[in-house]
Every structure is written in C-alpha cells, then in structure tokens.
Amino acid sequence: MPPTTAPAAALLALYDREMRRGARPEGPDDVVERVGRVVRRTAPAHGWNGVVWSGFTSADEADTAIARQIAHYTSRGLTFEWKLYAHDAPADLGRRLVAAGFTPEPDETLMATEIDEAALTTTVPDGVRLVPVTDEAGVDQVAEVHERAFGDDASGLRRLLLDALTATPDTVVAVVALAGDVPVSAARMELTPGTSFAGLWGGGTVPHWRGRGVYRSLIAHRARIAAARGYRHLHVDASSRSRPILRRLGFTELTVTTPYVYEPARAR
C-alpha cells in the first residue's frame, strides 16, 4: 500500500529518515549498527533484534546482505526479524528473504498522524480508570492483559518493559486500564530522543471489554503525554482490527510492513 497523497509521502519519508535510517539504541544493552546499506539492532535475546532499514541498489547486493545478517545473528544464537516495508527495494526482497529461510508473519499497516491533528477528545469509559505503570506490579498487569488479549506468552514483554522502566524511564510510557481493580486493557509508548515520532505499541483489550472505547482512550492518553514532551507525530503498526479506530482518530495509512522472522533452529 504505497502512499497516495503528498502529505502521506512526506510523512513516510520523514519516518524513514528518523526512525529507520536514523534508528537509535533503545536501552543500555541495545546496539544499532549501520553496515553497508543495512541498519540493524542487536539486543539481548528478550529484546528486539533485527533489520530496521535497508536500501539496496541491486538484487546481488540484497542477497549478500541477507547472508551477512543471518551470519551476524546466528553467531549469537539470536532469532531476528527483518522488518520489510512495501516500498523497500528490490521489489522481490520478501521472496529473497523466504528463499534464505525467513518466515513471513501477518502484514501490518504503518499509520501515523501529527499530534495536533489527532482527535484527542476521547474520554475514559465509565467505570474505568487509567493508571500509569511505574513498577513491577504494574508491569505484571500489562503482561496479564497482553496474554488475555492476544493469547501470547508475555514473559519477554514483561522483562523488556521492566528493563526500560529501570534503565531508561524517560523513553517509555506504559498505562493500564482498570475496571475496578481488574486490568482490562494496557498499552505502552516508546519515546525516541532526538526524533519527532512517538511510537504506540502493545495496545490490547481483553475480549469482553472491546468496543467500549477503552482502546481509543489509551491512544488519546498517550498522545497527550507525547505532545507535552515535545513530540509532533505518532506512529503505530496497525492490525486490521485497529485500523478503523485509528482512521477515525486522524491517522493516515503510509505503507504496509511485513515482519520476516529468522529462527536459527528452524532454518537448520
């Protein structure tokens, strides 16, 4: 899904420049390297490892770089992700990744908005309160919501969020929505110093609380915090479920992104 308007194209170009080519470490144990025409991130096993940007000029260059990234991560015993965007070249890069042993995961849509243009008037539903996550107990509630909402093991998320709150608390905001004392939704926001983008991640709501406006209230809550800290834009990798909500809040679809995952054991 390439951008179809000049403003969307300009916003995508800014995103590529700041968040991909200009990627920065996200913690004390996170290393960002620019190797040839690849930008990659190497972190502990529970962190995010992978390629955030590539800009190849030929198919042969792409194949060589793919082999080098596989060697880099497998030498460390790490599963990693090649985050492919629809406008990345060459056009058949996804096919080349599959041929090299990567497994594609479901597509997501990169959406973004200028915070000043977003609809931030959403209120918290009756009976729900939003509570900042600042300690281990709050992280446990975030992990509980994640497992109930998505059916995934949240142990990695739990450790990642604890690391961030401990080592770089100014770069992460996490919030949990409580109905009474029961966590029913949660989300986090990553704030990268030196950029204009704040990233919205992990927004999930337990099934019987969906459709009541909790997810929208979490977006508005984080947007107001981002604006207060000087960020101009929000970005999110949106699922098909969240895209309609984000459109109503003023987000624009910029492109499609597909995670290609390489697991050393599976590849062998």
C-alpha atoms as a PDB file:
ATOM      1  CA  MET A   1       0.000   0.000   0.000  1.00  0.00           C
ATOM      2  CA  PRO A   2       2.160   2.927  -1.202  1.00  0.00           C
ATOM      3  CA  PRO A   3       1.260   6.412  -0.002  1.00  0.00           C
ATOM      4  CA  THR A   4      -1.278   8.084  -2.283  1.00  0.00           C
ATOM      5  CA  THR A   5      -1.044  11.721  -1.218  1.00  0.00           C
ATOM      6  CA  ALA A   6       1.809  14.207  -0.972  1.00  0.00           C
ATOM      7  CA  PRO A   7       1.375  14.695   2.812  1.00  0.00           C
ATOM      8  CA  ALA A   8       1.458  10.923   3.368  1.00  0.00           C
ATOM      9  CA  ALA A   9       4.556  10.566   1.184  1.00  0.00           C
ATOM     10  CA  ALA A  10       6.300  13.355   3.071  1.00  0.00           C
ATOM     11  CA  LEU A  11       5.404  11.799   6.427  1.00  0.00           C
ATOM     12  CA  LEU A  12       6.684   8.396   5.261  1.00  0.00           C
ATOM     13  CA  ALA A  13       9.945   9.968   4.086  1.00  0.00           C
ATOM     14  CA  LEU A  14      10.365  11.632   7.484  1.00  0.00           C
ATOM     15  CA  TYR A  15       9.630   8.334   9.243  1.00  0.00           C
ATOM     16  CA  ASP A  16      12.210   6.511   7.118  1.00  0.00           C
ATOM     17  CA  ARG A  17      14.814   9.167   7.849  1.00  0.00           C
ATOM     18  CA  GLU A  18      14.269   9.454  11.596  1.00  0.00           C
ATOM     19  CA  MET A  19      13.064   6.038  12.718  1.00  0.00           C
ATOM     20  CA  ARG A  20      14.715   3.656  10.254  1.00  0.00           C
ATOM     21  CA  ARG A  21      17.890   5.072   8.726  1.00  0.00           C
ATOM     22  CA  GLY A  22      18.427   7.133  11.866  1.00  0.00           C
ATOM     23  CA  ALA A  23      17.491   4.377  14.339  1.00  0.00           C
ATOM     24  CA  ARG A  24      18.887   4.834  17.840  1.00  0.00           C
ATOM     25  CA  PRO A  25      19.546   2.363  20.671  1.00  0.00           C
ATOM     26  CA  GLU A  26      16.528   1.721  22.883  1.00  0.00           C
ATOM     27  CA  GLY A  27      18.397   0.721  26.027  1.00  0.00           C
ATOM     28  CA  PRO A  28      21.839   0.282  27.592  1.00  0.00           C
ATOM     29  CA  ASP A  29      22.249  -3.223  26.105  1.00  0.00           C
ATOM     30  CA  ASP A  30      20.910  -2.259  22.679  1.00  0.00           C
ATOM     31  CA  VAL A  31      23.364  -1.713  19.800  1.00  0.00           C
ATOM     32  CA  VAL A  32      22.434  -0.077  16.491  1.00  0.00           C
ATOM     33  CA  GLU A  33      24.850  -0.576  13.605  1.00  0.00           C
ATOM     34  CA  ARG A  34      24.984   0.744  10.066  1.00  0.00           C
ATOM     35  CA  VAL A  35      26.570  -1.986   7.981  1.00  0.00           C
ATOM     36  CA  GLY A  36      26.702  -1.175   4.291  1.00  0.00           C
ATOM     37  CA  ARG A  37      23.137  -0.440   3.224  1.00  0.00           C
ATOM     38  CA  VAL A  38      21.576  -2.058   6.304  1.00  0.00           C
ATOM     39  CA  VAL A  39      20.661  -0.646   9.704  1.00  0.00           C
ATOM     40  CA  ARG A  40      20.319  -3.378  12.301  1.00  0.00           C
ATOM     41  CA  ARG A  41      19.617  -3.609  16.003  1.00  0.00           C
ATOM     42  CA  THR A  42      21.251  -6.185  18.281  1.00  0.00           C
ATOM     43  CA  ALA A  43      19.862  -6.645  21.783  1.00  0.00           C
ATOM     44  CA  PRO A  44      19.599  -9.368  24.443  1.00  0.00           C
ATOM     45  CA  ALA A  45      17.507 -12.385  23.481  1.00  0.00           C
ATOM     46  CA  HIS A  46      14.397 -10.991  25.183  1.00  0.00           C
ATOM     47  CA  GLY A  47      14.740  -7.692  23.289  1.00  0.00           C
ATOM     48  CA  TRP A  48      14.028  -6.830  19.669  1.00  0.00           C
ATOM     49  CA  ASN A  49      16.686  -7.996  17.245  1.00  0.00           C
ATOM     50  CA  GLY A  50      16.551  -7.265  13.570  1.00  0.00           C
ATOM     51  CA  VAL A  51      16.933  -5.120  10.484  1.00  0.00           C
ATOM     52  CA  VAL A  52      15.069  -1.814  10.645  1.00  0.00           C
ATOM     53  CA  TRP A  53      16.151  -0.371   7.290  1.00  0.00           C
ATOM     54  CA  SER A  54      17.769  -1.449   4.053  1.00  0.00           C
ATOM     55  CA  GLY A  55      18.332   0.405   0.814  1.00  0.00           C
ATOM     56  CA  PHE A  56      19.753  -1.929  -1.802  1.00  0.00           C
ATOM     57  CA  THR A  57      20.656  -0.908  -5.312  1.00  0.00           C
ATOM     58  CA  SER A  58      20.730  -4.415  -6.795  1.00  0.00           C
ATOM     59  CA  ALA A  59      19.471  -7.941  -6.205  1.00  0.00           C
ATOM     60  CA  ASP A  60      23.008  -9.242  -5.715  1.00  0.00           C
ATOM     61  CA  GLU A  61      23.653  -6.620  -3.044  1.00  0.00           C
ATOM     62  CA  ALA A  62      20.460  -7.694  -1.279  1.00  0.00           C
ATOM     63  CA  ASP A  63      21.386 -11.393  -1.316  1.00  0.00           C
ATOM     64  CA  THR A  64      24.860 -10.676   0.063  1.00  0.00           C
ATOM     65  CA  ALA A  65      23.463  -8.504   2.853  1.00  0.00           C
ATOM     66  CA  ILE A  66      20.831 -11.109   3.765  1.00  0.00           C
ATOM     67  CA  ALA A  67      23.539 -13.752   4.181  1.00  0.00           C
ATOM     68  CA  ARG A  68      25.623 -11.392   6.325  1.00  0.00           C
ATOM     69  CA  GLN A  69      22.743 -10.590   8.663  1.00  0.00           C
ATOM     70  CA  ILE A  70      21.974 -14.281   9.095  1.00  0.00           C
ATOM     71  CA  ALA A  71      25.614 -14.900   9.993  1.00  0.00           C
ATOM     72  CA  HIS A  72      25.644 -11.974  12.432  1.00  0.00           C
ATOM     73  CA  TYR A  73      22.619 -13.046  14.445  1.00  0.00           C
ATOM     74  CA  THR A  74      23.061 -16.814  14.293  1.00  0.00           C
ATOM     75  CA  SER A  75      26.633 -16.464  15.587  1.00  0.00           C
ATOM     76  CA  ARG A  76      24.997 -15.003  18.703  1.00  0.00           C
ATOM     77  CA  GLY A  77      22.239 -17.599  18.838  1.00  0.00           C
ATOM     78  CA  LEU A  78      19.554 -14.960  18.251  1.00  0.00           C
ATOM     79  CA  THR A  79      16.259 -15.165  16.434  1.00  0.00           C
ATOM     80  CA  PHE A  80      15.797 -11.942  14.492  1.00  0.00           C
ATOM     81  CA  GLU A  81      13.328 -10.066  12.332  1.00  0.00           C
ATOM     82  CA  TRP A  82      13.753  -8.317   9.018  1.00  0.00           C
ATOM     83  CA  LYS A  83      11.112  -5.606   9.075  1.00  0.00           C
ATOM     84  CA  LEU A  84      10.212  -5.174   5.416  1.00  0.00           C
ATOM     85  CA  TYR A  85       8.242  -2.178   4.173  1.00  0.00           C
ATOM     86  CA  ALA A  86       6.284  -2.280   0.910  1.00  0.00           C
ATOM     87  CA  HIS A  87       8.389   0.479  -0.657  1.00  0.00           C
ATOM     88  CA  ASP A  88      11.737  -1.209   0.100  1.00  0.00           C
ATOM     89  CA  ALA A  89      13.878  -2.326  -2.832  1.00  0.00           C
ATOM     90  CA  PRO A  90      14.323  -4.587  -4.613  1.00  0.00           C
ATOM     91  CA  ALA A  91      10.628  -5.281  -5.173  1.00  0.00           C
ATOM     92  CA  ASP A  92      11.152  -9.023  -4.633  1.00  0.00           C
ATOM     93  CA  LEU A  93      13.051  -8.637  -1.349  1.00  0.00           C
ATOM     94  CA  GLY A  94      10.364 -10.590   0.509  1.00  0.00           C
ATOM     95  CA  ARG A  95      10.767 -13.544  -1.851  1.00  0.00           C
ATOM     96  CA  ARG A  96      14.526 -13.425  -1.356  1.00  0.00           C
ATOM     97  CA  LEU A  97      14.124 -13.471   2.410  1.00  0.00           C
ATOM     98  CA  VAL A  98      11.856 -16.521   2.223  1.00  0.00           C
ATOM     99  CA  ALA A  99      14.383 -18.278  -0.020  1.00  0.00           C
ATOM    100  CA  ALA A 100      17.038 -17.598   2.634  1.00  0.00           C
ATOM    101  CA  GLY A 101      14.961 -19.247   5.374  1.00  0.00           C
ATOM    102  CA  PHE A 102      12.835 -16.430   6.772  1.00  0.00           C
ATOM    103  CA  THR A 103       9.169 -16.914   7.667  1.00  0.00           C
ATOM    104  CA  PRO A 104       6.742 -14.054   6.944  1.00  0.00           C
ATOM    105  CA  GLU A 105       4.297 -13.061   9.660  1.00  0.00           C
ATOM    106  CA  PRO A 106       0.979 -11.243   9.096  1.00  0.00           C
ATOM    107  CA  ASP A 107       1.122  -7.844   7.432  1.00  0.00           C
ATOM    108  CA  GLU A 108       0.536  -4.709   9.452  1.00  0.00           C
ATOM    109  CA  THR A 109      -0.161  -1.173   8.280  1.00  0.00           C
ATOM    110  CA  LEU A 110       2.159   1.648   9.252  1.00  0.00           C
ATOM    111  CA  MET A 111      -0.096   4.541  10.262  1.00  0.00           C
ATOM    112  CA  ALA A 112       0.900   7.958  11.533  1.00  0.00           C
ATOM    113  CA  THR A 113      -0.520  11.355  12.380  1.00  0.00           C
ATOM    114  CA  GLU A 114       0.519  14.785  13.502  1.00  0.00           C
ATOM    115  CA  ILE A 115      -0.497  15.010  17.127  1.00  0.00           C
ATOM    116  CA  ASP A 116      -2.043  18.457  16.613  1.00  0.00           C
ATOM    117  CA  GLU A 117      -4.401  16.946  14.028  1.00  0.00           C
ATOM    118  CA  ALA A 118      -5.391  13.851  16.019  1.00  0.00           C
ATOM    119  CA  ALA A 119      -8.779  13.611  17.701  1.00  0.00           C
ATOM    120  CA  LEU A 120      -7.770  13.648  21.359  1.00  0.00           C
ATOM    121  CA  THR A 121     -11.143  14.359  22.914  1.00  0.00           C
ATOM    122  CA  THR A 122     -11.906  10.701  23.656  1.00  0.00           C
ATOM    123  CA  THR A 123     -12.911  10.196  27.287  1.00  0.00           C
ATOM    124  CA  VAL A 124     -12.345   7.198  29.515  1.00  0.00           C
ATOM    125  CA  PRO A 125     -15.430   4.929  29.673  1.00  0.00           C
ATOM    126  CA  ASP A 126     -17.488   4.931  32.849  1.00  0.00           C
ATOM    127  CA  GLY A 127     -16.143   2.544  35.464  1.00  0.00           C
ATOM    128  CA  VAL A 128     -12.621   2.547  34.006  1.00  0.00           C
ATOM    129  CA  ARG A 129      -9.559   4.414  35.216  1.00  0.00           C
ATOM    130  CA  LEU A 130      -6.148   4.731  33.564  1.00  0.00           C
ATOM    131  CA  VAL A 131      -3.185   4.063  35.822  1.00  0.00           C
ATOM    132  CA  PRO A 132       0.467   4.774  34.951  1.00  0.00           C
ATOM    133  CA  VAL A 133       2.760   1.755  35.098  1.00  0.00           C
ATOM    134  CA  THR A 134       5.875   2.526  37.111  1.00  0.00           C
ATOM    135  CA  ASP A 135       6.781  -0.658  38.984  1.00  0.00           C
ATOM    136  CA  GLU A 136       6.851  -4.435  38.789  1.00  0.00           C
ATOM    137  CA  ALA A 137       3.241  -4.811  39.922  1.00  0.00           C
ATOM    138  CA  GLY A 138       2.076  -2.593  37.077  1.00  0.00           C
ATOM    139  CA  VAL A 139       4.223  -4.493  34.577  1.00  0.00           C
ATOM    140  CA  ASP A 140       2.602  -7.717  35.772  1.00  0.00           C
ATOM    141  CA  GLN A 141      -0.812  -6.224  34.979  1.00  0.00           C
ATOM    142  CA  VAL A 142       0.347  -5.218  31.486  1.00  0.00           C
ATOM    143  CA  ALA A 143       1.597  -8.755  30.891  1.00  0.00           C
ATOM    144  CA  GLU A 144      -1.684 -10.210  32.175  1.00  0.00           C
ATOM    145  CA  VAL A 145      -3.691  -8.076  29.751  1.00  0.00           C
ATOM    146  CA  HIS A 146      -1.394  -8.999  26.853  1.00  0.00           C
ATOM    147  CA  GLU A 147      -1.849 -12.722  27.477  1.00  0.00           C
ATOM    148  CA  ARG A 148      -5.628 -12.412  27.822  1.00  0.00           C
ATOM    149  CA  ALA A 149      -5.967 -10.148  24.785  1.00  0.00           C
ATOM    150  CA  PHE A 150      -3.620 -11.894  22.362  1.00  0.00           C
ATOM    151  CA  GLY A 151      -3.144 -15.384  23.765  1.00  0.00           C
ATOM    152  CA  ASP A 152       0.644 -14.961  23.700  1.00  0.00           C
ATOM    153  CA  ASP A 153       3.287 -15.631  26.318  1.00  0.00           C
ATOM    154  CA  ALA A 154       4.134 -12.187  27.732  1.00  0.00           C
ATOM    155  CA  SER A 155       7.299 -13.118  29.632  1.00  0.00           C
ATOM    156  CA  GLY A 156       9.534 -11.384  27.079  1.00  0.00           C
ATOM    157  CA  LEU A 157       7.374  -8.263  27.094  1.00  0.00           C
ATOM    158  CA  ARG A 158       7.421  -8.239  30.887  1.00  0.00           C
ATOM    159  CA  ARG A 159      11.220  -8.342  31.040  1.00  0.00           C
ATOM    160  CA  LEU A 160      11.601  -5.776  28.242  1.00  0.00           C
ATOM    161  CA  LEU A 161       9.274  -3.313  29.929  1.00  0.00           C
ATOM    162  CA  LEU A 162      10.934  -3.783  33.319  1.00  0.00           C
ATOM    163  CA  ASP A 163      14.339  -3.150  31.742  1.00  0.00           C
ATOM    164  CA  ALA A 164      13.110   0.053  30.108  1.00  0.00           C
ATOM    165  CA  LEU A 165      11.399   1.393  33.228  1.00  0.00           C
ATOM    166  CA  THR A 166      14.548   0.705  35.237  1.00  0.00           C
ATOM    167  CA  ALA A 167      17.290   1.832  32.849  1.00  0.00           C
ATOM    168  CA  THR A 168      15.649   4.428  30.573  1.00  0.00           C
ATOM    169  CA  PRO A 169      12.372   5.518  32.183  1.00  0.00           C
ATOM    170  CA  ASP A 170      12.192   8.715  30.124  1.00  0.00           C
ATOM    171  CA  THR A 171      11.878   6.718  26.898  1.00  0.00           C
ATOM    172  CA  VAL A 172       8.845   4.604  27.756  1.00  0.00           C
ATOM    173  CA  VAL A 173       5.317   5.253  28.964  1.00  0.00           C
ATOM    174  CA  ALA A 174       3.087   2.369  29.987  1.00  0.00           C
ATOM    175  CA  VAL A 175      -0.517   2.527  31.146  1.00  0.00           C
ATOM    176  CA  VAL A 176      -3.092   0.014  32.298  1.00  0.00           C
ATOM    177  CA  ALA A 177      -6.869   0.440  32.257  1.00  0.00           C
ATOM    178  CA  LEU A 178      -8.587  -0.919  35.355  1.00  0.00           C
ATOM    179  CA  ALA A 179     -12.262  -1.754  35.739  1.00  0.00           C
ATOM    180  CA  GLY A 180     -12.430  -1.658  39.491  1.00  0.00           C
ATOM    181  CA  ASP A 181      -9.199  -3.449  40.322  1.00  0.00           C
ATOM    182  CA  VAL A 182      -9.228  -5.715  37.258  1.00  0.00           C
ATOM    183  CA  PRO A 183      -6.867  -4.880  34.368  1.00  0.00           C
ATOM    184  CA  VAL A 184      -8.862  -4.870  31.119  1.00  0.00           C
ATOM    185  CA  SER A 185      -6.582  -3.040  28.695  1.00  0.00           C
ATOM    186  CA  ALA A 186      -2.980  -1.869  28.522  1.00  0.00           C
ATOM    187  CA  ALA A 187      -0.552  -0.170  26.191  1.00  0.00           C
ATOM    188  CA  ARG A 188       2.858   1.424  26.042  1.00  0.00           C
ATOM    189  CA  MET A 189       4.572   4.231  24.151  1.00  0.00           C
ATOM    190  CA  GLU A 190       8.213   4.454  23.120  1.00  0.00           C
ATOM    191  CA  LEU A 191       9.796   7.911  23.011  1.00  0.00           C
ATOM    192  CA  THR A 192      12.997   8.118  20.994  1.00  0.00           C
ATOM    193  CA  PRO A 193      15.077  11.182  21.928  1.00  0.00           C
ATOM    194  CA  GLY A 194      16.084  13.347  19.006  1.00  0.00           C
ATOM    195  CA  THR A 195      13.129  12.347  16.815  1.00  0.00           C
ATOM    196  CA  SER A 196       9.687  13.818  16.247  1.00  0.00           C
ATOM    197  CA  PHE A 197       7.890  10.439  16.478  1.00  0.00           C
ATOM    198  CA  ALA A 198       6.401   8.676  19.484  1.00  0.00           C
ATOM    199  CA  GLY A 199       5.575   5.019  18.888  1.00  0.00           C
ATOM    200  CA  LEU A 200       2.363   3.413  20.121  1.00  0.00           C
ATOM    201  CA  TRP A 201       2.808  -0.274  20.949  1.00  0.00           C
ATOM    202  CA  GLY A 202       1.096  -3.181  22.612  1.00  0.00           C
ATOM    203  CA  GLY A 203      -2.408  -1.761  22.777  1.00  0.00           C
ATOM    204  CA  GLY A 204      -4.624  -4.661  23.759  1.00  0.00           C
ATOM    205  CA  THR A 205      -8.026  -5.088  25.372  1.00  0.00           C
ATOM    206  CA  VAL A 206      -9.459  -8.266  26.852  1.00  0.00           C
ATOM    207  CA  PRO A 207     -12.284  -9.646  24.668  1.00  0.00           C
ATOM    208  CA  HIS A 208     -15.333  -8.759  26.744  1.00  0.00           C
ATOM    209  CA  TRP A 209     -14.224  -5.113  27.074  1.00  0.00           C
ATOM    210  CA  ARG A 210     -13.701  -4.480  23.358  1.00  0.00           C
ATOM    211  CA  GLY A 211     -15.912  -1.986  21.569  1.00  0.00           C
ATOM    212  CA  ARG A 212     -16.430   0.224  24.617  1.00  0.00           C
ATOM    213  CA  GLY A 213     -13.851   2.915  23.840  1.00  0.00           C
ATOM    214  CA  VAL A 214     -11.058   1.768  26.140  1.00  0.00           C
ATOM    215  CA  TYR A 215      -8.552   1.373  23.298  1.00  0.00           C
ATOM    216  CA  ARG A 216      -9.362   4.869  21.991  1.00  0.00           C
ATOM    217  CA  SER A 217      -8.907   6.368  25.433  1.00  0.00           C
ATOM    218  CA  LEU A 218      -5.442   4.781  25.713  1.00  0.00           C
ATOM    219  CA  ILE A 219      -4.426   6.313  22.381  1.00  0.00           C
ATOM    220  CA  ALA A 220      -5.613   9.757  23.422  1.00  0.00           C
ATOM    221  CA  HIS A 221      -3.928   9.421  26.822  1.00  0.00           C
ATOM    222  CA  ARG A 222      -0.560   8.588  25.280  1.00  0.00           C
ATOM    223  CA  ALA A 223      -0.912  11.259  22.596  1.00  0.00           C
ATOM    224  CA  ARG A 224      -1.367  13.965  25.205  1.00  0.00           C
ATOM    225  CA  ILE A 225       1.756  12.786  27.034  1.00  0.00           C
ATOM    226  CA  ALA A 226       3.765  12.736  23.797  1.00  0.00           C
ATOM    227  CA  ALA A 227       2.632  16.267  22.929  1.00  0.00           C
ATOM    228  CA  ALA A 228       3.560  17.518  26.399  1.00  0.00           C
ATOM    229  CA  ARG A 229       7.062  16.109  25.895  1.00  0.00           C
ATOM    230  CA  GLY A 230       7.533  17.849  22.582  1.00  0.00           C
ATOM    231  CA  TYR A 231       6.831  15.078  20.078  1.00  0.00           C
ATOM    232  CA  ARG A 232       4.993  16.067  16.894  1.00  0.00           C
ATOM    233  CA  HIS A 233       3.939  12.727  15.416  1.00  0.00           C
ATOM    234  CA  LEU A 234       2.546   9.372  16.476  1.00  0.00           C
ATOM    235  CA  HIS A 235       3.166   6.128  14.619  1.00  0.00           C
ATOM    236  CA  VAL A 236       1.729   2.650  15.027  1.00  0.00           C
ATOM    237  CA  ASP A 237       1.902  -0.723  13.261  1.00  0.00           C
ATOM    238  CA  ALA A 238      -1.828  -1.314  12.977  1.00  0.00           C
ATOM    239  CA  SER A 239      -3.715  -4.571  12.708  1.00  0.00           C
ATOM    240  CA  SER A 240      -6.922  -4.891  10.702  1.00  0.00           C
ATOM    241  CA  ARG A 241      -8.869  -4.555  13.966  1.00  0.00           C
ATOM    242  CA  SER A 242      -7.283  -1.263  14.989  1.00  0.00           C
ATOM    243  CA  ARG A 243      -7.076   0.435  11.569  1.00  0.00           C
ATOM    244  CA  PRO A 244     -10.698   1.708  11.523  1.00  0.00           C
ATOM    245  CA  ILE A 245     -10.334   3.181  15.021  1.00  0.00           C
ATOM    246  CA  LEU A 246      -7.066   4.887  14.124  1.00  0.00           C
ATOM    247  CA  ARG A 247      -8.539   6.358  10.932  1.00  0.00           C
ATOM    248  CA  ARG A 248     -11.330   7.950  12.970  1.00  0.00           C
ATOM    249  CA  LEU A 249      -8.700   9.443  15.269  1.00  0.00           C
ATOM    250  CA  GLY A 250      -6.902  11.099  12.355  1.00  0.00           C
ATOM    251  CA  PHE A 251      -4.200   8.564  11.487  1.00  0.00           C
ATOM    252  CA  THR A 252      -3.127   8.110   7.863  1.00  0.00           C
ATOM    253  CA  GLU A 253      -2.064   4.831   6.278  1.00  0.00           C
ATOM    254  CA  LEU A 254       1.505   5.221   4.990  1.00  0.00           C
ATOM    255  CA  THR A 255       2.564   1.760   3.845  1.00  0.00           C
ATOM    256  CA  VAL A 256       2.396  -1.952   4.685  1.00  0.00           C
ATOM    257  CA  THR A 257       5.053  -3.636   6.771  1.00  0.00           C
ATOM    258  CA  THR A 258       5.721  -7.380   6.959  1.00  0.00           C
ATOM    259  CA  PRO A 259       7.891  -8.983   9.644  1.00  0.00           C
ATOM    260  CA  TYR A 260      10.137 -11.723   8.242  1.00  0.00           C
ATOM    261  CA  VAL A 261      11.483 -13.852  11.090  1.00  0.00           C
ATOM    262  CA  TYR A 262      14.623 -15.974  11.009  1.00  0.00           C
ATOM    263  CA  GLU A 263      14.896 -18.695  13.652  1.00  0.00           C
ATOM    264  CA  PRO A 264      18.298 -20.450  13.518  1.00  0.00           C
ATOM    265  CA  ALA A 265      16.938 -23.789  14.722  1.00  0.00           C
ATOM    266  CA  ARG A 266      14.087 -23.801  12.203  1.00  0.00           C
ATOM    267  CA  ALA A 267      16.396 -22.766   9.355  1.00  0.00           C
ATOM    268  CA  ARG A 268      18.727 -25.665  10.096  1.00  0.00           C
END
